[in-house]
Amino acid sequence: MRFCIPDQIVSNNGTQFTSQEFQDFCKSNGIRHTTSSVYHPRSNGEAERFVKTFKGSMKEAKTEGWEVTLQRFLFSYRLTPHATTGSAPCELLQGLKLKCLLDLIRSRSSL
C-alpha cells in the first residue's frame, strides 16, 4: 500500500485473512478480498513460489544480517522480469527501469 490502496487482495485462508477485523478493513477501504482454495496451495502458486524464493534468500541473513539481505532481495526481485508479463515489477508499477550494477558494466563495455 506504499503507493495506493489496492483494488483486490488475493490470500490464502489463514486466520489473519479470515478474521472479522481484516474483512472490515477491506470493506472500509473498498478492497475486494479473494481467497485461494482450502487445502490446495497450487491454486495460489505464484504466492507460494514467492515465499519459497524469499525464504531461500533470507537463509543468507545468518552471514550478512537480515536487513541487508532483505534489501538486496527486494532490489533484485523488483528488477527481475516476470515470466508471465515479461516486465520487471518496478517497470509495471512506476513505468521506469531501475539502474543496477549490470547496467554500469554494459555502458562501460560499449565505450
PDB file of N, CA and C in Angstrom:
ATOM      1  N   MET A   1       0.820  -1.195   0.000  1.00  0.00           N
ATOM      2  CA  MET A   1       0.000   0.000   0.000  1.00  0.00           C
ATOM      3  C   MET A   1       0.861   1.255   0.000  1.00  0.00           C
ATOM      4  N   ARG A   2       2.105   1.122  -0.361  1.00  0.00           N
ATOM      5  CA  ARG A   2       3.012   2.264  -0.389  1.00  0.00           C
ATOM      6  C   ARG A   2       2.539   3.330  -1.365  1.00  0.00           C
ATOM      7  N   PHE A   3       1.901   2.940  -2.462  1.00  0.00           N
ATOM      8  CA  PHE A   3       1.535   3.903  -3.494  1.00  0.00           C
ATOM      9  C   PHE A   3       0.037   4.179  -3.570  1.00  0.00           C
ATOM     10  N   CYS A   4      -0.780   3.224  -3.173  1.00  0.00           N
ATOM     11  CA  CYS A   4      -2.228   3.433  -3.203  1.00  0.00           C
ATOM     12  C   CYS A   4      -2.924   2.264  -2.514  1.00  0.00           C
ATOM     13  N   ILE A   5      -4.202   2.387  -2.345  1.00  0.00           N
ATOM     14  CA  ILE A   5      -4.995   1.293  -1.794  1.00  0.00           C
ATOM     15  C   ILE A   5      -5.272   0.319  -2.936  1.00  0.00           C
ATOM     16  N   PRO A   6      -4.989  -0.963  -2.746  1.00  0.00           N
ATOM     17  CA  PRO A   6      -5.208  -1.920  -3.833  1.00  0.00           C
ATOM     18  C   PRO A   6      -6.698  -2.154  -4.095  1.00  0.00           C
ATOM     19  N   ASP A   7      -7.015  -2.543  -5.332  1.00  0.00           N
ATOM     20  CA  ASP A   7      -8.393  -2.890  -5.682  1.00  0.00           C
ATOM     21  C   ASP A   7      -8.748  -4.266  -5.145  1.00  0.00           C
ATOM     22  N   GLN A   8      -7.761  -5.159  -5.142  1.00  0.00           N
ATOM     23  CA  GLN A   8      -8.013  -6.544  -4.755  1.00  0.00           C
ATOM     24  C   GLN A   8      -6.812  -7.115  -4.012  1.00  0.00           C
ATOM     25  N   ILE A   9      -7.092  -7.968  -3.041  1.00  0.00           N
ATOM     26  CA  ILE A   9      -6.070  -8.736  -2.336  1.00  0.00           C
ATOM     27  C   ILE A   9      -6.437 -10.207  -2.490  1.00  0.00           C
ATOM     28  N   VAL A  10      -5.459 -11.001  -2.929  1.00  0.00           N
ATOM     29  CA  VAL A  10      -5.646 -12.446  -3.023  1.00  0.00           C
ATOM     30  C   VAL A  10      -4.788 -13.066  -1.937  1.00  0.00           C
ATOM     31  N   SER A  11      -5.384 -13.910  -1.104  1.00  0.00           N
ATOM     32  CA  SER A  11      -4.653 -14.508   0.002  1.00  0.00           C
ATOM     33  C   SER A  11      -5.067 -15.967   0.191  1.00  0.00           C
ATOM     34  N   ASN A  12      -4.350 -16.636   1.085  1.00  0.00           N
ATOM     35  CA  ASN A  12      -4.769 -17.966   1.476  1.00  0.00           C
ATOM     36  C   ASN A  12      -5.854 -17.809   2.543  1.00  0.00           C
ATOM     37  N   ASN A  13      -6.243 -18.884   3.173  1.00  0.00           N
ATOM     38  CA  ASN A  13      -7.314 -18.836   4.165  1.00  0.00           C
ATOM     39  C   ASN A  13      -6.779 -18.767   5.592  1.00  0.00           C
ATOM     40  N   GLY A  14      -5.612 -18.173   5.770  1.00  0.00           N
ATOM     41  CA  GLY A  14      -5.048 -18.015   7.109  1.00  0.00           C
ATOM     42  C   GLY A  14      -5.969 -17.192   7.990  1.00  0.00           C
ATOM     43  N   THR A  15      -5.867 -17.435   9.292  1.00  0.00           N
ATOM     44  CA  THR A  15      -6.766 -16.748  10.237  1.00  0.00           C
ATOM     45  C   THR A  15      -6.603 -15.232  10.182  1.00  0.00           C
ATOM     46  N   GLN A  16      -5.387 -14.765   9.844  1.00  0.00           N
ATOM     47  CA  GLN A  16      -5.192 -13.314   9.750  1.00  0.00           C
ATOM     48  C   GLN A  16      -5.988 -12.707   8.604  1.00  0.00           C
ATOM     49  N   PHE A  17      -6.326 -13.522   7.593  1.00  0.00           N
ATOM     50  CA  PHE A  17      -7.088 -13.019   6.443  1.00  0.00           C
ATOM     51  C   PHE A  17      -8.578 -13.321   6.545  1.00  0.00           C
ATOM     52  N   THR A  18      -8.962 -14.219   7.408  1.00  0.00           N
ATOM     53  CA  THR A  18     -10.377 -14.557   7.543  1.00  0.00           C
ATOM     54  C   THR A  18     -11.012 -13.904   8.765  1.00  0.00           C
ATOM     55  N   SER A  19     -10.236 -13.151   9.521  1.00  0.00           N
ATOM     56  CA  SER A  19     -10.762 -12.503  10.726  1.00  0.00           C
ATOM     57  C   SER A  19     -11.761 -11.409  10.357  1.00  0.00           C
ATOM     58  N   GLN A  20     -12.632 -11.123  11.266  1.00  0.00           N
ATOM     59  CA  GLN A  20     -13.629 -10.070  11.047  1.00  0.00           C
ATOM     60  C   GLN A  20     -12.945  -8.713  10.915  1.00  0.00           C
ATOM     61  N   GLU A  21     -11.881  -8.502  11.674  1.00  0.00           N
ATOM     62  CA  GLU A  21     -11.150  -7.236  11.612  1.00  0.00           C
ATOM     63  C   GLU A  21     -10.591  -6.996  10.205  1.00  0.00           C
ATOM     64  N   PHE A  22     -10.014  -8.039   9.584  1.00  0.00           N
ATOM     65  CA  PHE A  22      -9.470  -7.891   8.236  1.00  0.00           C
ATOM     66  C   PHE A  22     -10.591  -7.666   7.227  1.00  0.00           C
ATOM     67  N   GLN A  23     -11.686  -8.380   7.386  1.00  0.00           N
ATOM     68  CA  GLN A  23     -12.822  -8.199   6.480  1.00  0.00           C
ATOM     69  C   GLN A  23     -13.377  -6.776   6.582  1.00  0.00           C
ATOM     70  N   ASP A  24     -13.456  -6.250   7.806  1.00  0.00           N
ATOM     71  CA  ASP A  24     -13.922  -4.867   7.996  1.00  0.00           C
ATOM     72  C   ASP A  24     -12.961  -3.870   7.353  1.00  0.00           C
ATOM     73  N   PHE A  25     -11.651  -4.133   7.498  1.00  0.00           N
ATOM     74  CA  PHE A  25     -10.643  -3.272   6.881  1.00  0.00           C
ATOM     75  C   PHE A  25     -10.821  -3.234   5.367  1.00  0.00           C
ATOM     76  N   CYS A  26     -10.973  -4.407   4.762  1.00  0.00           N
ATOM     77  CA  CYS A  26     -11.156  -4.472   3.306  1.00  0.00           C
ATOM     78  C   CYS A  26     -12.416  -3.729   2.885  1.00  0.00           C
ATOM     79  N   LYS A  27     -13.492  -3.964   3.596  1.00  0.00           N
ATOM     80  CA  LYS A  27     -14.761  -3.323   3.242  1.00  0.00           C
ATOM     81  C   LYS A  27     -14.671  -1.803   3.365  1.00  0.00           C
ATOM     82  N   SER A  28     -14.063  -1.320   4.448  1.00  0.00           N
ATOM     83  CA  SER A  28     -13.992   0.134   4.650  1.00  0.00           C
ATOM     84  C   SER A  28     -13.058   0.818   3.658  1.00  0.00           C
ATOM     85  N   ASN A  29     -12.134   0.064   3.049  1.00  0.00           N
ATOM     86  CA  ASN A  29     -11.204   0.633   2.072  1.00  0.00           C
ATOM     87  C   ASN A  29     -11.549   0.275   0.636  1.00  0.00           C
ATOM     88  N   GLY A  30     -12.693  -0.378   0.440  1.00  0.00           N
ATOM     89  CA  GLY A  30     -13.129  -0.713  -0.913  1.00  0.00           C
ATOM     90  C   GLY A  30     -12.258  -1.753  -1.593  1.00  0.00           C
ATOM     91  N   ILE A  31     -11.711  -2.674  -0.809  1.00  0.00           N
ATOM     92  CA  ILE A  31     -10.819  -3.709  -1.336  1.00  0.00           C
ATOM     93  C   ILE A  31     -11.606  -5.015  -1.482  1.00  0.00           C
ATOM     94  N   ARG A  32     -11.514  -5.603  -2.658  1.00  0.00           N
ATOM     95  CA  ARG A  32     -12.139  -6.904  -2.910  1.00  0.00           C
ATOM     96  C   ARG A  32     -11.156  -7.977  -2.427  1.00  0.00           C
ATOM     97  N   HIS A  33     -11.596  -8.837  -1.518  1.00  0.00           N
ATOM     98  CA  HIS A  33     -10.725  -9.882  -0.959  1.00  0.00           C
ATOM     99  C   HIS A  33     -11.134 -11.237  -1.518  1.00  0.00           C
ATOM    100  N   THR A  34     -10.177 -11.914  -2.135  1.00  0.00           N
ATOM    101  CA  THR A  34     -10.395 -13.236  -2.702  1.00  0.00           C
ATOM    102  C   THR A  34      -9.435 -14.204  -2.039  1.00  0.00           C
ATOM    103  N   THR A  35      -9.927 -15.395  -1.710  1.00  0.00           N
ATOM    104  CA  THR A  35      -9.057 -16.407  -1.096  1.00  0.00           C
ATOM    105  C   THR A  35      -8.858 -17.569  -2.048  1.00  0.00           C
ATOM    106  N   SER A  36      -7.725 -18.237  -1.883  1.00  0.00           N
ATOM    107  CA  SER A  36      -7.443 -19.422  -2.693  1.00  0.00           C
ATOM    108  C   SER A  36      -8.196 -20.615  -2.101  1.00  0.00           C
ATOM    109  N   SER A  37      -8.223 -21.703  -2.845  1.00  0.00           N
ATOM    110  CA  SER A  37      -8.935 -22.893  -2.402  1.00  0.00           C
ATOM    111  C   SER A  37      -8.280 -23.476  -1.152  1.00  0.00           C
ATOM    112  N   VAL A  38      -9.104 -23.911  -0.224  1.00  0.00           N
ATOM    113  CA  VAL A  38      -8.619 -24.521   1.010  1.00  0.00           C
ATOM    114  C   VAL A  38      -7.914 -25.834   0.691  1.00  0.00           C
ATOM    115  N   TYR A  39      -6.796 -26.087   1.347  1.00  0.00           N
ATOM    116  CA  TYR A  39      -6.009 -27.316   1.196  1.00  0.00           C
ATOM    117  C   TYR A  39      -5.535 -27.543  -0.240  1.00  0.00           C
ATOM    118  N   HIS A  40      -5.388 -26.469  -0.986  1.00  0.00           N
ATOM    119  CA  HIS A  40      -4.941 -26.593  -2.367  1.00  0.00           C
ATOM    120  C   HIS A  40      -3.970 -25.457  -2.671  1.00  0.00           C
ATOM    121  N   PRO A  41      -2.730 -25.537  -2.132  1.00  0.00           N
ATOM    122  CA  PRO A  41      -1.797 -24.425  -2.279  1.00  0.00           C
ATOM    123  C   PRO A  41      -1.415 -24.110  -3.717  1.00  0.00           C
ATOM    124  N   ARG A  42      -1.575 -25.071  -4.632  1.00  0.00           N
ATOM    125  CA  ARG A  42      -1.232 -24.799  -6.029  1.00  0.00           C
ATOM    126  C   ARG A  42      -2.121 -23.732  -6.640  1.00  0.00           C
ATOM    127  N   SER A  43      -3.330 -23.558  -6.095  1.00  0.00           N
ATOM    128  CA  SER A  43      -4.218 -22.532  -6.635  1.00  0.00           C
ATOM    129  C   SER A  43      -3.684 -21.130  -6.314  1.00  0.00           C
ATOM    130  N   ASN A  44      -2.777 -21.054  -5.367  1.00  0.00           N
ATOM    131  CA  ASN A  44      -2.136 -19.795  -5.017  1.00  0.00           C
ATOM    132  C   ASN A  44      -0.644 -19.919  -5.336  1.00  0.00           C
ATOM    133  N   GLY A  45      -0.340 -20.539  -6.467  1.00  0.00           N
ATOM    134  CA  GLY A  45       1.013 -20.926  -6.832  1.00  0.00           C
ATOM    135  C   GLY A  45       2.012 -19.790  -6.908  1.00  0.00           C
ATOM    136  N   GLU A  46       1.605 -18.660  -7.444  1.00  0.00           N
ATOM    137  CA  GLU A  46       2.542 -17.543  -7.575  1.00  0.00           C
ATOM    138  C   GLU A  46       3.015 -17.068  -6.204  1.00  0.00           C
ATOM    139  N   ALA A  47       2.088 -16.932  -5.277  1.00  0.00           N
ATOM    140  CA  ALA A  47       2.460 -16.500  -3.930  1.00  0.00           C
ATOM    141  C   ALA A  47       3.298 -17.561  -3.231  1.00  0.00           C
ATOM    142  N   GLU A  48       2.942 -18.835  -3.413  1.00  0.00           N
ATOM    143  CA  GLU A  48       3.702 -19.908  -2.797  1.00  0.00           C
ATOM    144  C   GLU A  48       5.130 -19.933  -3.327  1.00  0.00           C
ATOM    145  N   ARG A  49       5.300 -19.692  -4.613  1.00  0.00           N
ATOM    146  CA  ARG A  49       6.636 -19.668  -5.199  1.00  0.00           C
ATOM    147  C   ARG A  49       7.443 -18.483  -4.670  1.00  0.00           C
ATOM    148  N   PHE A  50       6.784 -17.340  -4.518  1.00  0.00           N
ATOM    149  CA  PHE A  50       7.467 -16.181  -3.957  1.00  0.00           C
ATOM    150  C   PHE A  50       7.957 -16.474  -2.545  1.00  0.00           C
ATOM    151  N   VAL A  51       7.118 -17.083  -1.727  1.00  0.00           N
ATOM    152  CA  VAL A  51       7.504 -17.400  -0.346  1.00  0.00           C
ATOM    153  C   VAL A  51       8.704 -18.341  -0.336  1.00  0.00           C
ATOM    154  N   LYS A  52       8.709 -19.333  -1.211  1.00  0.00           N
ATOM    155  CA  LYS A  52       9.831 -20.270  -1.293  1.00  0.00           C
ATOM    156  C   LYS A  52      11.121 -19.530  -1.687  1.00  0.00           C
ATOM    157  N   THR A  53      11.032 -18.655  -2.680  1.00  0.00           N
ATOM    158  CA  THR A  53      12.191 -17.877  -3.124  1.00  0.00           C
ATOM    159  C   THR A  53      12.676 -16.960  -2.008  1.00  0.00           C
ATOM    160  N   PHE A  54      11.749 -16.306  -1.343  1.00  0.00           N
ATOM    161  CA  PHE A  54      12.086 -15.387  -0.258  1.00  0.00           C
ATOM    162  C   PHE A  54      12.778 -16.107   0.894  1.00  0.00           C
ATOM    163  N   LYS A  55      12.225 -17.237   1.304  1.00  0.00           N
ATOM    164  CA  LYS A  55      12.825 -17.997   2.407  1.00  0.00           C
ATOM    165  C   LYS A  55      14.230 -18.462   2.056  1.00  0.00           C
ATOM    166  N   GLY A  56      14.407 -18.928   0.823  1.00  0.00           N
ATOM    167  CA  GLY A  56      15.736 -19.363   0.390  1.00  0.00           C
ATOM    168  C   GLY A  56      16.733 -18.225   0.432  1.00  0.00           C
ATOM    169  N   SER A  57      16.314 -17.052   0.011  1.00  0.00           N
ATOM    170  CA  SER A  57      17.192 -15.889   0.008  1.00  0.00           C
ATOM    171  C   SER A  57      17.519 -15.429   1.420  1.00  0.00           C
ATOM    172  N   MET A  58      16.560 -15.477   2.302  1.00  0.00           N
ATOM    173  CA  MET A  58      16.763 -14.990   3.661  1.00  0.00           C
ATOM    174  C   MET A  58      17.658 -15.913   4.492  1.00  0.00           C
ATOM    175  N   LYS A  59      17.907 -17.118   4.023  1.00  0.00           N
ATOM    176  CA  LYS A  59      18.827 -18.001   4.743  1.00  0.00           C
ATOM    177  C   LYS A  59      20.229 -17.406   4.779  1.00  0.00           C
ATOM    178  N   GLU A  60      20.549 -16.537   3.823  1.00  0.00           N
ATOM    179  CA  GLU A  60      21.839 -15.849   3.788  1.00  0.00           C
ATOM    180  C   GLU A  60      21.963 -14.821   4.915  1.00  0.00           C
ATOM    181  N   ALA A  61      20.859 -14.479   5.547  1.00  0.00           N
ATOM    182  CA  ALA A  61      20.863 -13.454   6.583  1.00  0.00           C
ATOM    183  C   ALA A  61      21.746 -13.835   7.756  1.00  0.00           C
ATOM    184  N   LYS A  62      22.058 -15.087   7.906  1.00  0.00           N
ATOM    185  CA  LYS A  62      22.905 -15.528   9.024  1.00  0.00           C
ATOM    186  C   LYS A  62      24.306 -14.942   8.902  1.00  0.00           C
ATOM    187  N   THR A  63      24.769 -14.699   7.677  1.00  0.00           N
ATOM    188  CA  THR A  63      26.121 -14.182   7.480  1.00  0.00           C
ATOM    189  C   THR A  63      26.158 -12.667   7.294  1.00  0.00           C
ATOM    190  N   GLU A  64      25.138 -12.083   6.676  1.00  0.00           N
ATOM    191  CA  GLU A  64      25.138 -10.642   6.390  1.00  0.00           C
ATOM    192  C   GLU A  64      24.301  -9.818   7.349  1.00  0.00           C
ATOM    193  N   GLY A  65      23.350 -10.416   7.958  1.00  0.00           N
ATOM    194  CA  GLY A  65      22.358  -9.676   8.730  1.00  0.00           C
ATOM    195  C   GLY A  65      21.085  -9.589   7.901  1.00  0.00           C
ATOM    196  N   TRP A  66      19.946  -9.676   8.551  1.00  0.00           N
ATOM    197  CA  TRP A  66      18.683  -9.769   7.811  1.00  0.00           C
ATOM    198  C   TRP A  66      18.315  -8.480   7.088  1.00  0.00           C
ATOM    199  N   GLU A  67      18.711  -7.311   7.610  1.00  0.00           N
ATOM    200  CA  GLU A  67      18.335  -6.053   6.970  1.00  0.00           C
ATOM    201  C   GLU A  67      18.976  -5.921   5.583  1.00  0.00           C
ATOM    202  N   VAL A  68      20.272  -6.210   5.504  1.00  0.00           N
ATOM    203  CA  VAL A  68      20.980  -6.121   4.232  1.00  0.00           C
ATOM    204  C   VAL A  68      20.454  -7.167   3.261  1.00  0.00           C
ATOM    205  N   THR A  69      20.250  -8.380   3.756  1.00  0.00           N
ATOM    206  CA  THR A  69      19.741  -9.460   2.907  1.00  0.00           C
ATOM    207  C   THR A  69      18.365  -9.113   2.357  1.00  0.00           C
ATOM    208  N   LEU A  70      17.504  -8.562   3.187  1.00  0.00           N
ATOM    209  CA  LEU A  70      16.157  -8.177   2.751  1.00  0.00           C
ATOM    210  C   LEU A  70      16.222  -7.101   1.671  1.00  0.00           C
ATOM    211  N   GLN A  71      17.027  -6.083   1.857  1.00  0.00           N
ATOM    212  CA  GLN A  71      17.129  -5.003   0.866  1.00  0.00           C
ATOM    213  C   GLN A  71      17.679  -5.512  -0.462  1.00  0.00           C
ATOM    214  N   ARG A  72      18.683  -6.383  -0.412  1.00  0.00           N
ATOM    215  CA  ARG A  72      19.234  -6.954  -1.646  1.00  0.00           C
ATOM    216  C   ARG A  72      18.200  -7.822  -2.356  1.00  0.00           C
ATOM    217  N   PHE A  73      17.464  -8.606  -1.585  1.00  0.00           N
ATOM    218  CA  PHE A  73      16.436  -9.460  -2.182  1.00  0.00           C
ATOM    219  C   PHE A  73      15.374  -8.611  -2.883  1.00  0.00           C
ATOM    220  N   LEU A  74      14.861  -7.592  -2.183  1.00  0.00           N
ATOM    221  CA  LEU A  74      13.807  -6.751  -2.760  1.00  0.00           C
ATOM    222  C   LEU A  74      14.291  -6.025  -4.013  1.00  0.00           C
ATOM    223  N   PHE A  75      15.512  -5.534  -3.992  1.00  0.00           N
ATOM    224  CA  PHE A  75      16.053  -4.853  -5.161  1.00  0.00           C
ATOM    225  C   PHE A  75      16.128  -5.803  -6.350  1.00  0.00           C
ATOM    226  N   SER A  76      16.657  -6.999  -6.127  1.00  0.00           N
ATOM    227  CA  SER A  76      16.767  -7.993  -7.206  1.00  0.00           C
ATOM    228  C   SER A  76      15.396  -8.418  -7.717  1.00  0.00           C
ATOM    229  N   TYR A  77      14.475  -8.646  -6.787  1.00  0.00           N
ATOM    230  CA  TYR A  77      13.128  -9.088  -7.168  1.00  0.00           C
ATOM    231  C   TYR A  77      12.430  -8.028  -8.013  1.00  0.00           C
ATOM    232  N   ARG A  78      12.562  -6.784  -7.630  1.00  0.00           N
ATOM    233  CA  ARG A  78      11.903  -5.696  -8.349  1.00  0.00           C
ATOM    234  C   ARG A  78      12.511  -5.436  -9.721  1.00  0.00           C
ATOM    235  N   LEU A  79      13.767  -5.847  -9.920  1.00  0.00           N
ATOM    236  CA  LEU A  79      14.453  -5.665 -11.207  1.00  0.00           C
ATOM    237  C   LEU A  79      14.266  -6.821 -12.178  1.00  0.00           C
ATOM    238  N   THR A  80      13.904  -7.981 -11.673  1.00  0.00           N
ATOM    239  CA  THR A  80      13.847  -9.193 -12.492  1.00  0.00           C
ATOM    240  C   THR A  80      12.539  -9.265 -13.272  1.00  0.00           C
ATOM    241  N   PRO A  81      12.617  -9.411 -14.603  1.00  0.00           N
ATOM    242  CA  PRO A  81      11.381  -9.544 -15.397  1.00  0.00           C
ATOM    243  C   PRO A  81      10.573 -10.776 -14.973  1.00  0.00           C
ATOM    244  N   HIS A  82       9.278 -10.622 -14.911  1.00  0.00           N
ATOM    245  CA  HIS A  82       8.370 -11.696 -14.529  1.00  0.00           C
ATOM    246  C   HIS A  82       8.121 -12.595 -15.731  1.00  0.00           C
ATOM    247  N   ALA A  83       8.044 -13.890 -15.509  1.00  0.00           N
ATOM    248  CA  ALA A  83       7.866 -14.852 -16.600  1.00  0.00           C
ATOM    249  C   ALA A  83       6.552 -14.617 -17.359  1.00  0.00           C
ATOM    250  N   THR A  84       5.507 -14.218 -16.678  1.00  0.00           N
ATOM    251  CA  THR A  84       4.205 -14.035 -17.313  1.00  0.00           C
ATOM    252  C   THR A  84       4.118 -12.720 -18.080  1.00  0.00           C
ATOM    253  N   THR A  85       4.548 -11.637 -17.448  1.00  0.00           N
ATOM    254  CA  THR A  85       4.391 -10.317 -18.068  1.00  0.00           C
ATOM    255  C   THR A  85       5.571  -9.933 -18.960  1.00  0.00           C
ATOM    256  N   GLY A  86       6.736 -10.514 -18.687  1.00  0.00           N
ATOM    257  CA  GLY A  86       7.931 -10.150 -19.435  1.00  0.00           C
ATOM    258  C   GLY A  86       8.534  -8.825 -18.992  1.00  0.00           C
ATOM    259  N   SER A  87       7.956  -8.214 -17.974  1.00  0.00           N
ATOM    260  CA  SER A  87       8.440  -6.938 -17.458  1.00  0.00           C
ATOM    261  C   SER A  87       8.768  -7.071 -15.978  1.00  0.00           C
ATOM    262  N   ALA A  88       9.685  -6.234 -15.516  1.00  0.00           N
ATOM    263  CA  ALA A  88      10.030  -6.210 -14.100  1.00  0.00           C
ATOM    264  C   ALA A  88       8.928  -5.503 -13.315  1.00  0.00           C
ATOM    265  N   PRO A  89       8.691  -5.898 -12.054  1.00  0.00           N
ATOM    266  CA  PRO A  89       7.666  -5.236 -11.240  1.00  0.00           C
ATOM    267  C   PRO A  89       7.847  -3.718 -11.149  1.00  0.00           C
ATOM    268  N   CYS A  90       9.096  -3.237 -11.058  1.00  0.00           N
ATOM    269  CA  CYS A  90       9.304  -1.784 -10.964  1.00  0.00           C
ATOM    270  C   CYS A  90       8.864  -1.075 -12.242  1.00  0.00           C
ATOM    271  N   GLU A  91       9.022  -1.741 -13.388  1.00  0.00           N
ATOM    272  CA  GLU A  91       8.590  -1.139 -14.653  1.00  0.00           C
ATOM    273  C   GLU A  91       7.074  -1.061 -14.726  1.00  0.00           C
ATOM    274  N   LEU A  92       6.403  -2.117 -14.280  1.00  0.00           N
ATOM    275  CA  LEU A  92       4.941  -2.140 -14.318  1.00  0.00           C
ATOM    276  C   LEU A  92       4.334  -1.152 -13.330  1.00  0.00           C
ATOM    277  N   LEU A  93       4.949  -1.042 -12.150  1.00  0.00           N
ATOM    278  CA  LEU A  93       4.396  -0.181 -11.114  1.00  0.00           C
ATOM    279  C   LEU A  93       4.688   1.284 -11.356  1.00  0.00           C
ATOM    280  N   GLN A  94       5.937   1.598 -11.693  1.00  0.00           N
ATOM    281  CA  GLN A  94       6.326   3.002 -11.791  1.00  0.00           C
ATOM    282  C   GLN A  94       6.603   3.472 -13.212  1.00  0.00           C
ATOM    283  N   GLY A  95       6.612   2.542 -14.152  1.00  0.00           N
ATOM    284  CA  GLY A  95       6.856   2.923 -15.531  1.00  0.00           C
ATOM    285  C   GLY A  95       8.298   3.313 -15.811  1.00  0.00           C
ATOM    286  N   LEU A  96       9.217   2.859 -14.966  1.00  0.00           N
ATOM    287  CA  LEU A  96      10.623   3.157 -15.203  1.00  0.00           C
ATOM    288  C   LEU A  96      11.487   1.954 -14.865  1.00  0.00           C
ATOM    289  N   LYS A  97      12.660   1.922 -15.465  1.00  0.00           N
ATOM    290  CA  LYS A  97      13.593   0.834 -15.233  1.00  0.00           C
ATOM    291  C   LYS A  97      14.635   1.296 -14.232  1.00  0.00           C
ATOM    292  N   LEU A  98      14.809   0.535 -13.159  1.00  0.00           N
ATOM    293  CA  LEU A  98      15.825   0.858 -12.172  1.00  0.00           C
ATOM    294  C   LEU A  98      17.205   0.507 -12.713  1.00  0.00           C
ATOM    295  N   LYS A  99      18.189   1.274 -12.316  1.00  0.00           N
ATOM    296  CA  LYS A  99      19.556   1.022 -12.750  1.00  0.00           C
ATOM    297  C   LYS A  99      20.237   0.095 -11.744  1.00  0.00           C
ATOM    298  N   CYS A 100      20.996  -0.871 -12.263  1.00  0.00           N
ATOM    299  CA  CYS A 100      21.735  -1.780 -11.403  1.00  0.00           C
ATOM    300  C   CYS A 100      23.193  -1.841 -11.862  1.00  0.00           C
ATOM    301  N   LEU A 101      24.012  -2.597 -11.153  1.00  0.00           N
ATOM    302  CA  LEU A 101      25.433  -2.696 -11.484  1.00  0.00           C
ATOM    303  C   LEU A 101      25.658  -3.266 -12.886  1.00  0.00           C
ATOM    304  N   LEU A 102      24.800  -4.163 -13.341  1.00  0.00           N
ATOM    305  CA  LEU A 102      24.961  -4.703 -14.692  1.00  0.00           C
ATOM    306  C   LEU A 102      24.820  -3.618 -15.756  1.00  0.00           C
ATOM    307  N   ASP A 103      23.983  -2.634 -15.508  1.00  0.00           N
ATOM    308  CA  ASP A 103      23.837  -1.521 -16.449  1.00  0.00           C
ATOM    309  C   ASP A 103      25.133  -0.733 -16.561  1.00  0.00           C
ATOM    310  N   LEU A 104      25.838  -0.594 -15.450  1.00  0.00           N
ATOM    311  CA  LEU A 104      27.129   0.107 -15.476  1.00  0.00           C
ATOM    312  C   LEU A 104      28.161  -0.672 -16.288  1.00  0.00           C
ATOM    313  N   ILE A 105      28.158  -1.982 -16.145  1.00  0.00           N
ATOM    314  CA  ILE A 105      29.096  -2.824 -16.896  1.00  0.00           C
ATOM    315  C   ILE A 105      28.796  -2.737 -18.390  1.00  0.00           C
ATOM    316  N   ARG A 106      27.518  -2.792 -18.749  1.00  0.00           N
ATOM    317  CA  ARG A 106      27.125  -2.709 -20.165  1.00  0.00           C
ATOM    318  C   ARG A 106      27.535  -1.376 -20.773  1.00  0.00           C
ATOM    319  N   SER A 107      27.314  -0.291 -20.022  1.00  0.00           N
ATOM    320  CA  SER A 107      27.628   1.029 -20.568  1.00  0.00           C
ATOM    321  C   SER A 107      29.144   1.207 -20.731  1.00  0.00           C
ATOM    322  N   ARG A 108      29.927   0.638 -19.849  1.00  0.00           N
ATOM    323  CA  ARG A 108      31.389   0.739 -19.957  1.00  0.00           C
ATOM    324  C   ARG A 108      31.907  -0.091 -21.127  1.00  0.00           C
ATOM    325  N   SER A 109      31.301  -1.255 -21.364  1.00  0.00           N
ATOM    326  CA  SER A 109      31.784  -2.117 -22.437  1.00  0.00           C
ATOM    327  C   SER A 109      31.427  -1.551 -23.814  1.00  0.00           C
ATOM    328  N   SER A 110      30.422  -0.680 -23.886  1.00  0.00           N
ATOM    329  CA  SER A 110      30.041  -0.098 -25.171  1.00  0.00           C
ATOM    330  C   SER A 110      30.878   1.132 -25.530  1.00  0.00           C
ATOM    331  N   LEU A 111      31.738   1.569 -24.607  1.00  0.00           N
ATOM    332  CA  LEU A 111      32.586   2.742 -24.887  1.00  0.00           C
ATOM    333  C   LEU A 111      33.708   2.434 -25.805  1.00  0.00           C
TER     334      LEU A 111
END
